[in-house]
Amino acid sequence: MKIVLLVFVSFLSLSLFSQNNGSKWVVGVSAASAKYTDSQGKVLGGDFVNQSPRINVAKYLSKNITLDLGFSTAIFDTQKYTTLDAVLRYDFGTSYDNVVPYLLIGGSVVSAIKSTPTLNFGAGNTFWFKPNYGINFQFIYKYSEAKFESQYSHFYPSVGIVYSLSPRNMNPRLWDRRH
């Protein structure tokens, strides 16, 4: 059952970033980490948890809003940490550009000692260097309520390669813009 769930989530998690009406789906893989404070790390068994690979899937919805689903787990780390994320990203109307900054808000279920919900806030940027390929940088703060003793609030940065399923226009003309 766990294998089926992992395959299903992996299929859904092909990292989609910075889409627009002409390029709604993007997939990608990234390296991420969970970073706790030193005092939290003493309780949890470490203040840094490596997450590689982090796999995401996103779909451009409308009006600069993108739904992003992600999955990652600690593979080569002594700590147990698996996260399933869902966020909405707002790209400031720059989804047709080659540099696409965005803000995000959403939630996660983090499975470490126990499964714990978190509220996520963050920002990111995608740099498109080819019509189908880009580099994505993302920084998330995962807020966990104090009543959940098995998980603390923490930072969650990531960097990765993204692939647009439809080629992007790297040199848009004025009449190509659809705002």
C-alpha atoms as a PDB file:
ATOM      1  CA  MET A   1       0.000   0.000   0.000  1.00  0.00           C
ATOM      2  CA  LYS A   2       2.842   2.411   0.838  1.00  0.00           C
ATOM      3  CA  ILE A   3       4.442   1.735  -2.558  1.00  0.00           C
ATOM      4  CA  VAL A   4       1.169   2.492  -4.370  1.00  0.00           C
ATOM      5  CA  LEU A   5       0.770   5.729  -2.389  1.00  0.00           C
ATOM      6  CA  LEU A   6       4.385   6.704  -3.087  1.00  0.00           C
ATOM      7  CA  VAL A   7       3.980   6.077  -6.840  1.00  0.00           C
ATOM      8  CA  PHE A   8       0.685   8.029  -6.906  1.00  0.00           C
ATOM      9  CA  VAL A   9       2.125  11.004  -5.015  1.00  0.00           C
ATOM     10  CA  SER A  10       5.297  10.896  -7.123  1.00  0.00           C
ATOM     11  CA  PHE A  11       3.192  11.051 -10.289  1.00  0.00           C
ATOM     12  CA  LEU A  12       1.304  14.039  -8.908  1.00  0.00           C
ATOM     13  CA  SER A  13       4.494  15.687  -7.696  1.00  0.00           C
ATOM     14  CA  LEU A  14       6.340  16.457 -10.909  1.00  0.00           C
ATOM     15  CA  SER A  15       6.969  20.132  -9.830  1.00  0.00           C
ATOM     16  CA  LEU A  16       5.080  22.678 -11.866  1.00  0.00           C
ATOM     17  CA  PHE A  17       6.294  26.241 -11.507  1.00  0.00           C
ATOM     18  CA  SER A  18       5.609  29.596 -13.169  1.00  0.00           C
ATOM     19  CA  GLN A  19       2.933  28.645 -15.625  1.00  0.00           C
ATOM     20  CA  ASN A  20       0.597  30.796 -17.652  1.00  0.00           C
ATOM     21  CA  ASN A  21      -2.433  30.227 -19.913  1.00  0.00           C
ATOM     22  CA  GLY A  22      -0.221  28.927 -22.722  1.00  0.00           C
ATOM     23  CA  SER A  23       1.925  26.791 -20.439  1.00  0.00           C
ATOM     24  CA  LYS A  24      -0.276  25.483 -17.626  1.00  0.00           C
ATOM     25  CA  TRP A  25       1.749  22.465 -16.468  1.00  0.00           C
ATOM     26  CA  VAL A  26       5.354  22.323 -15.279  1.00  0.00           C
ATOM     27  CA  VAL A  27       7.241  19.504 -13.546  1.00  0.00           C
ATOM     28  CA  GLY A  28      10.427  19.532 -11.495  1.00  0.00           C
ATOM     29  CA  VAL A  29      12.731  17.994  -8.958  1.00  0.00           C
ATOM     30  CA  SER A  30      14.579  19.845  -6.224  1.00  0.00           C
ATOM     31  CA  ALA A  31      16.748  19.493  -3.160  1.00  0.00           C
ATOM     32  CA  ALA A  32      15.197  20.792   0.052  1.00  0.00           C
ATOM     33  CA  SER A  33      15.870  20.822   3.767  1.00  0.00           C
ATOM     34  CA  ALA A  34      14.041  21.386   7.016  1.00  0.00           C
ATOM     35  CA  LYS A  35      15.973  23.791   9.252  1.00  0.00           C
ATOM     36  CA  TYR A  36      15.169  23.968  12.972  1.00  0.00           C
ATOM     37  CA  THR A  37      16.703  26.137  15.700  1.00  0.00           C
ATOM     38  CA  ASP A  38      19.535  24.637  17.761  1.00  0.00           C
ATOM     39  CA  SER A  39      17.278  24.120  20.812  1.00  0.00           C
ATOM     40  CA  GLN A  40      14.591  22.428  18.671  1.00  0.00           C
ATOM     41  CA  GLY A  41      17.263  20.261  17.054  1.00  0.00           C
ATOM     42  CA  LYS A  42      18.320  18.909  20.450  1.00  0.00           C
ATOM     43  CA  VAL A  43      14.768  17.673  21.063  1.00  0.00           C
ATOM     44  CA  LEU A  44      14.236  16.326  17.518  1.00  0.00           C
ATOM     45  CA  GLY A  45      17.653  14.716  17.065  1.00  0.00           C
ATOM     46  CA  GLY A  46      19.132  17.324  14.722  1.00  0.00           C
ATOM     47  CA  ASP A  47      18.516  20.864  13.487  1.00  0.00           C
ATOM     48  CA  PHE A  48      18.879  20.069   9.755  1.00  0.00           C
ATOM     49  CA  VAL A  49      16.991  17.407   7.762  1.00  0.00           C
ATOM     50  CA  ASN A  50      18.038  16.862   4.134  1.00  0.00           C
ATOM     51  CA  GLN A  51      15.169  16.223   1.668  1.00  0.00           C
ATOM     52  CA  SER A  52      16.289  14.875  -1.690  1.00  0.00           C
ATOM     53  CA  PRO A  53      14.584  14.638  -4.043  1.00  0.00           C
ATOM     54  CA  ARG A  54      11.602  16.901  -3.513  1.00  0.00           C
ATOM     55  CA  ILE A  55       9.063  16.331  -6.269  1.00  0.00           C
ATOM     56  CA  ASN A  56       6.280  18.805  -7.101  1.00  0.00           C
ATOM     57  CA  VAL A  57       3.359  19.207  -9.483  1.00  0.00           C
ATOM     58  CA  ALA A  58       1.627  22.505 -10.129  1.00  0.00           C
ATOM     59  CA  LYS A  59      -1.111  23.767 -12.385  1.00  0.00           C
ATOM     60  CA  TYR A  60      -1.817  27.349 -13.400  1.00  0.00           C
ATOM     61  CA  LEU A  61      -5.431  28.027 -12.373  1.00  0.00           C
ATOM     62  CA  SER A  62      -6.203  31.623 -13.400  1.00  0.00           C
ATOM     63  CA  LYS A  63      -5.401  35.270 -12.698  1.00  0.00           C
ATOM     64  CA  ASN A  64      -1.767  34.623 -11.631  1.00  0.00           C
ATOM     65  CA  ILE A  65      -2.737  31.833  -9.197  1.00  0.00           C
ATOM     66  CA  THR A  66      -1.039  28.423  -9.338  1.00  0.00           C
ATOM     67  CA  LEU A  67      -1.858  25.308  -7.307  1.00  0.00           C
ATOM     68  CA  ASP A  68       1.308  23.448  -6.284  1.00  0.00           C
ATOM     69  CA  LEU A  69       1.421  19.953  -4.753  1.00  0.00           C
ATOM     70  CA  GLY A  70       4.667  18.544  -3.421  1.00  0.00           C
ATOM     71  CA  PHE A  71       6.116  15.490  -1.741  1.00  0.00           C
ATOM     72  CA  SER A  72       9.489  14.827  -0.177  1.00  0.00           C
ATOM     73  CA  THR A  73      11.023  12.536   2.379  1.00  0.00           C
ATOM     74  CA  ALA A  74      14.341  12.225   4.187  1.00  0.00           C
ATOM     75  CA  ILE A  75      16.173   9.420   2.372  1.00  0.00           C
ATOM     76  CA  PHE A  76      19.812   9.744   3.448  1.00  0.00           C
ATOM     77  CA  ASP A  77      19.227  11.252   6.881  1.00  0.00           C
ATOM     78  CA  THR A  78      19.041   9.764  10.365  1.00  0.00           C
ATOM     79  CA  GLN A  79      15.875  11.731  11.147  1.00  0.00           C
ATOM     80  CA  LYS A  80      12.432  10.703   9.926  1.00  0.00           C
ATOM     81  CA  TYR A  81      10.722  13.536   8.008  1.00  0.00           C
ATOM     82  CA  THR A  82       8.160  13.223   5.207  1.00  0.00           C
ATOM     83  CA  THR A  83       6.045  16.115   3.969  1.00  0.00           C
ATOM     84  CA  LEU A  84       3.024  16.379   1.702  1.00  0.00           C
ATOM     85  CA  ASP A  85       2.418  20.021   0.744  1.00  0.00           C
ATOM     86  CA  ALA A  86      -0.346  21.962  -1.002  1.00  0.00           C
ATOM     87  CA  VAL A  87       0.094  25.680  -1.644  1.00  0.00           C
ATOM     88  CA  LEU A  88      -1.385  28.468  -3.745  1.00  0.00           C
ATOM     89  CA  ARG A  89       1.153  30.757  -5.404  1.00  0.00           C
ATOM     90  CA  TYR A  90       0.554  34.326  -6.625  1.00  0.00           C
ATOM     91  CA  ASP A  91       3.012  35.516  -9.327  1.00  0.00           C
ATOM     92  CA  PHE A  92       2.260  39.303  -9.555  1.00  0.00           C
ATOM     93  CA  GLY A  93       1.273  39.048 -13.233  1.00  0.00           C
ATOM     94  CA  THR A  94       4.790  37.990 -14.290  1.00  0.00           C
ATOM     95  CA  SER A  95       3.942  34.453 -15.431  1.00  0.00           C
ATOM     96  CA  TYR A  96       4.805  35.364 -19.051  1.00  0.00           C
ATOM     97  CA  ASP A  97       8.262  36.682 -18.106  1.00  0.00           C
ATOM     98  CA  ASN A  98      11.557  34.798 -17.894  1.00  0.00           C
ATOM     99  CA  VAL A  99      11.973  35.776 -14.229  1.00  0.00           C
ATOM    100  CA  VAL A 100       8.859  34.906 -12.210  1.00  0.00           C
ATOM    101  CA  PRO A 101       8.797  35.854  -8.488  1.00  0.00           C
ATOM    102  CA  TYR A 102       5.874  34.666  -6.363  1.00  0.00           C
ATOM    103  CA  LEU A 103       4.404  34.512  -2.848  1.00  0.00           C
ATOM    104  CA  LEU A 104       2.764  31.377  -1.492  1.00  0.00           C
ATOM    105  CA  ILE A 105       0.403  30.256   1.255  1.00  0.00           C
ATOM    106  CA  GLY A 106      -0.814  26.764   2.019  1.00  0.00           C
ATOM    107  CA  GLY A 107      -0.491  23.804   4.296  1.00  0.00           C
ATOM    108  CA  SER A 108       1.431  20.599   4.868  1.00  0.00           C
ATOM    109  CA  VAL A 109       1.199  17.352   6.714  1.00  0.00           C
ATOM    110  CA  VAL A 110       4.621  16.587   8.144  1.00  0.00           C
ATOM    111  CA  SER A 111       5.221  13.043   9.297  1.00  0.00           C
ATOM    112  CA  ALA A 112       8.203  12.855  11.634  1.00  0.00           C
ATOM    113  CA  ILE A 113       7.650  11.455  15.124  1.00  0.00           C
ATOM    114  CA  LYS A 114       3.907  11.863  14.525  1.00  0.00           C
ATOM    115  CA  SER A 115       1.907  13.392  11.682  1.00  0.00           C
ATOM    116  CA  THR A 116       1.463  17.120  12.226  1.00  0.00           C
ATOM    117  CA  PRO A 117      -0.324  19.804  10.158  1.00  0.00           C
ATOM    118  CA  THR A 118       1.532  23.022   9.365  1.00  0.00           C
ATOM    119  CA  LEU A 119       0.508  26.379   7.888  1.00  0.00           C
ATOM    120  CA  ASN A 120       2.952  27.481   5.189  1.00  0.00           C
ATOM    121  CA  PHE A 121       4.029  30.983   4.116  1.00  0.00           C
ATOM    122  CA  GLY A 122       6.779  31.728   1.659  1.00  0.00           C
ATOM    123  CA  ALA A 123       8.262  33.207  -1.465  1.00  0.00           C
ATOM    124  CA  GLY A 124      10.085  31.936  -4.498  1.00  0.00           C
ATOM    125  CA  ASN A 125      11.411  32.735  -7.930  1.00  0.00           C
ATOM    126  CA  THR A 126      11.729  30.810 -11.183  1.00  0.00           C
ATOM    127  CA  PHE A 127      14.403  31.741 -13.735  1.00  0.00           C
ATOM    128  CA  TRP A 128      13.563  30.349 -17.194  1.00  0.00           C
ATOM    129  CA  PHE A 129      16.808  29.803 -19.151  1.00  0.00           C
ATOM    130  CA  LYS A 130      15.343  27.669 -21.992  1.00  0.00           C
ATOM    131  CA  PRO A 131      11.777  27.466 -23.401  1.00  0.00           C
ATOM    132  CA  ASN A 132      11.082  24.309 -21.358  1.00  0.00           C
ATOM    133  CA  TYR A 133      13.642  24.538 -18.505  1.00  0.00           C
ATOM    134  CA  GLY A 134      14.074  26.760 -15.482  1.00  0.00           C
ATOM    135  CA  ILE A 135      15.652  26.954 -12.052  1.00  0.00           C
ATOM    136  CA  ASN A 136      13.336  27.438  -9.078  1.00  0.00           C
ATOM    137  CA  PHE A 137      14.300  28.830  -5.670  1.00  0.00           C
ATOM    138  CA  GLN A 138      11.731  28.648  -2.885  1.00  0.00           C
ATOM    139  CA  PHE A 139      11.741  29.553   0.816  1.00  0.00           C
ATOM    140  CA  ILE A 140       8.886  28.396   3.072  1.00  0.00           C
ATOM    141  CA  TYR A 141       8.194  28.945   6.758  1.00  0.00           C
ATOM    142  CA  LYS A 142       6.167  26.008   8.124  1.00  0.00           C
ATOM    143  CA  TYR A 143       4.230  27.142  11.186  1.00  0.00           C
ATOM    144  CA  SER A 144       3.270  24.415  13.658  1.00  0.00           C
ATOM    145  CA  GLU A 145       1.041  25.199  16.632  1.00  0.00           C
ATOM    146  CA  ALA A 146       2.586  24.769  20.080  1.00  0.00           C
ATOM    147  CA  LYS A 147       0.039  22.064  20.954  1.00  0.00           C
ATOM    148  CA  PHE A 148       1.822  19.723  18.488  1.00  0.00           C
ATOM    149  CA  GLU A 149       4.830  18.656  20.535  1.00  0.00           C
ATOM    150  CA  SER A 150       6.125  16.263  17.872  1.00  0.00           C
ATOM    151  CA  GLN A 151       6.861  19.062  15.361  1.00  0.00           C
ATOM    152  CA  TYR A 152       8.138  22.627  15.645  1.00  0.00           C
ATOM    153  CA  SER A 153       7.814  25.564  13.291  1.00  0.00           C
ATOM    154  CA  HIS A 154      10.751  25.602  10.890  1.00  0.00           C
ATOM    155  CA  PHE A 155      12.210  26.955   7.664  1.00  0.00           C
ATOM    156  CA  TYR A 156      12.079  24.888   4.486  1.00  0.00           C
ATOM    157  CA  PRO A 157      14.270  26.179   1.605  1.00  0.00           C
ATOM    158  CA  SER A 158      14.573  24.375  -1.747  1.00  0.00           C
ATOM    159  CA  VAL A 159      16.295  24.750  -5.117  1.00  0.00           C
ATOM    160  CA  GLY A 160      15.574  22.695  -8.210  1.00  0.00           C
ATOM    161  CA  ILE A 161      15.123  22.251 -11.934  1.00  0.00           C
ATOM    162  CA  VAL A 162      11.666  22.710 -13.450  1.00  0.00           C
ATOM    163  CA  TYR A 163      10.315  21.586 -16.810  1.00  0.00           C
ATOM    164  CA  SER A 164       7.386  23.216 -18.627  1.00  0.00           C
ATOM    165  CA  LEU A 165       5.275  20.694 -20.551  1.00  0.00           C
ATOM    166  CA  SER A 166       4.621  23.394 -23.172  1.00  0.00           C
ATOM    167  CA  PRO A 167       7.529  25.524 -24.444  1.00  0.00           C
ATOM    168  CA  ARG A 168       7.537  29.099 -23.188  1.00  0.00           C
ATOM    169  CA  ASN A 169       8.109  32.092 -25.471  1.00  0.00           C
ATOM    170  CA  MET A 170      11.506  33.396 -24.292  1.00  0.00           C
ATOM    171  CA  ASN A 171      11.216  36.623 -26.358  1.00  0.00           C
ATOM    172  CA  PRO A 172       7.577  37.717 -26.120  1.00  0.00           C
ATOM    173  CA  ARG A 173       6.357  40.485 -28.369  1.00  0.00           C
ATOM    174  CA  LEU A 174       4.131  43.233 -27.066  1.00  0.00           C
ATOM    175  CA  TRP A 175       1.032  41.706 -28.701  1.00  0.00           C
ATOM    176  CA  ASP A 176       1.802  38.277 -27.118  1.00  0.00           C
ATOM    177  CA  ARG A 177       1.076  39.606 -23.606  1.00  0.00           C
ATOM    178  CA  ARG A 178      -2.339  38.615 -22.174  1.00  0.00           C
ATOM    179  CA  HIS A 179      -2.857  40.622 -19.014  1.00  0.00           C
END
